[in-house]
């Protein structure tokens, strides 16, 4: 005879996703991963990995606000992206983990470059 599930376990299962921070919309698709890789390739190719990592790390708490600031920077970022890619890149940066993904891509390319 099995014992009934204790109340605490049922409550825990019932509210498991109540305080979840990431929403399904925060997941990255292949196109967004490719954009992060493209930006990382641009940064590493110009030997700007250290300053880029510093800016990304310090701006991590403000990534949504920073993504809105990119409207001001659009003339510069269109050097890397087409106008359509730029709009997609701004939406990519609105996601919570986007800075982390870009940092990982830059570090990956920098490690490949330096062996």
Protein backbone atom coordinates (compact mmCIF):
# COMPACT_ATOMS: atom_id res chain seq x y z
CA UNK A 1 0.00 0.00 0.00
CA UNK A 2 1.57 3.30 -1.04
CA UNK A 3 1.39 6.33 1.19
CA UNK A 4 -0.46 9.40 -0.04
CA UNK A 5 1.68 12.22 -1.33
CA UNK A 6 2.47 14.59 1.52
CA UNK A 7 0.83 17.99 1.29
CA UNK A 8 4.17 19.79 1.00
CA UNK A 9 5.12 17.80 -2.12
CA UNK A 10 1.76 18.49 -3.75
CA UNK A 11 2.07 22.22 -2.99
CA UNK A 12 5.61 22.26 -4.30
CA UNK A 13 4.56 20.58 -7.55
CA UNK A 14 1.54 22.88 -7.90
CA UNK A 15 3.58 26.10 -7.67
CA UNK A 16 6.82 24.88 -9.28
CA UNK A 17 6.65 27.45 -12.06
CA UNK A 18 5.11 30.28 -10.07
CA UNK A 19 8.35 32.18 -9.61
CA UNK A 20 10.06 31.12 -12.83
CA UNK A 21 11.92 34.03 -14.36
CA UNK A 22 12.45 32.84 -17.93
CA UNK A 23 9.44 32.73 -20.20
CA UNK A 24 9.19 30.62 -23.36
CA UNK A 25 9.69 33.82 -25.37
CA UNK A 26 13.16 34.17 -23.82
CA UNK A 27 14.48 31.11 -25.63
CA UNK A 28 16.85 31.73 -28.51
CA UNK A 29 16.31 30.35 -31.98
CA UNK A 30 19.01 29.50 -34.51
CA UNK A 31 18.79 32.92 -36.17
CA UNK A 32 19.41 34.72 -32.88
CA UNK A 33 22.35 32.43 -32.10
CA UNK A 34 23.74 33.26 -35.56
CA UNK A 35 23.38 37.00 -34.87
CA UNK A 36 25.28 36.66 -31.60
CA UNK A 37 27.99 34.72 -33.43
CA UNK A 38 28.14 37.39 -36.15
CA UNK A 39 28.56 40.15 -33.57
CA UNK A 40 31.20 38.11 -31.74
CA UNK A 41 33.10 37.52 -34.99
CA UNK A 42 33.02 41.26 -35.71
CA UNK A 43 34.34 42.09 -32.22
CA UNK A 44 37.04 39.40 -32.11
CA UNK A 45 38.13 40.15 -35.69
CA UNK A 46 38.93 43.72 -34.67
CA UNK A 47 40.69 42.60 -31.48
CA UNK A 48 38.12 44.35 -29.30
CA UNK A 49 37.12 41.34 -27.17
CA UNK A 50 38.36 42.75 -23.85
CA UNK A 51 36.57 46.13 -24.11
CA UNK A 52 33.44 44.46 -25.51
CA UNK A 53 33.36 41.96 -22.64
CA UNK A 54 33.80 44.78 -20.13
CA UNK A 55 30.92 46.75 -21.64
CA UNK A 56 28.69 43.67 -21.83
CA UNK A 57 29.42 42.62 -18.25
CA UNK A 58 28.78 46.09 -16.84
CA UNK A 59 25.61 46.56 -18.86
CA UNK A 60 24.13 43.17 -17.95
CA UNK A 61 21.65 44.60 -15.39
CA UNK A 62 20.47 47.16 -17.93
CA UNK A 63 20.20 45.04 -21.06
CA UNK A 64 16.55 45.89 -21.75
CA UNK A 65 17.18 49.62 -21.33
CA UNK A 66 20.33 49.24 -23.41
CA UNK A 67 18.40 47.54 -26.17
CA UNK A 68 16.16 50.61 -26.31
CA UNK A 69 19.24 52.86 -26.45
CA UNK A 70 20.31 51.05 -29.62
CA UNK A 71 17.83 53.13 -31.60
CA UNK A 72 20.26 55.97 -31.08
CA UNK A 73 23.19 53.80 -32.18
CA UNK A 74 21.52 52.42 -35.30
CA UNK A 75 23.84 54.23 -37.76
CA UNK A 76 26.84 52.47 -36.22
CA UNK A 77 25.37 49.01 -35.82
CA UNK A 78 24.23 48.93 -39.42
CA UNK A 79 27.92 48.49 -40.19
CA UNK A 80 27.55 44.97 -38.78
CA UNK A 81 23.90 44.19 -39.55
CA UNK A 82 21.47 45.00 -42.34
CA UNK A 83 18.50 47.15 -41.25
CA UNK A 84 16.26 44.06 -40.98
CA UNK A 85 18.91 42.19 -38.96
CA UNK A 86 19.35 45.25 -36.78
CA UNK A 87 15.67 45.26 -35.76
CA UNK A 88 15.91 41.54 -34.96
CA UNK A 89 19.12 42.19 -32.98
CA UNK A 90 17.36 44.83 -30.85
CA UNK A 91 14.57 42.34 -30.07
CA UNK A 92 17.26 39.74 -29.28
CA UNK A 93 18.85 42.09 -26.72
CA UNK A 94 15.52 42.61 -24.99
CA UNK A 95 15.69 39.01 -23.78
CA UNK A 96 17.10 38.42 -20.34
CA UNK A 97 19.97 36.04 -21.25
CA UNK A 98 21.07 37.75 -24.49
CA UNK A 99 24.12 39.39 -22.90
CA UNK A 100 25.22 36.04 -21.52
CA UNK A 101 24.89 34.43 -24.96
CA UNK A 102 26.97 37.18 -26.59
CA UNK A 103 29.66 36.95 -23.91
CA UNK A 104 29.85 33.18 -24.42
CA UNK A 105 30.20 33.59 -28.20
CA UNK A 106 32.94 36.22 -27.85
CA UNK A 107 34.87 34.08 -25.36
CA UNK A 108 34.49 31.02 -27.59
CA UNK A 109 35.88 32.83 -30.65
CA UNK A 110 38.63 34.51 -28.64
CA UNK A 111 39.71 31.12 -27.23
CA UNK A 112 39.73 29.60 -30.72
CA UNK A 113 41.82 32.49 -32.00
CA UNK A 114 44.37 32.31 -29.19
CA UNK A 115 44.46 28.53 -29.10
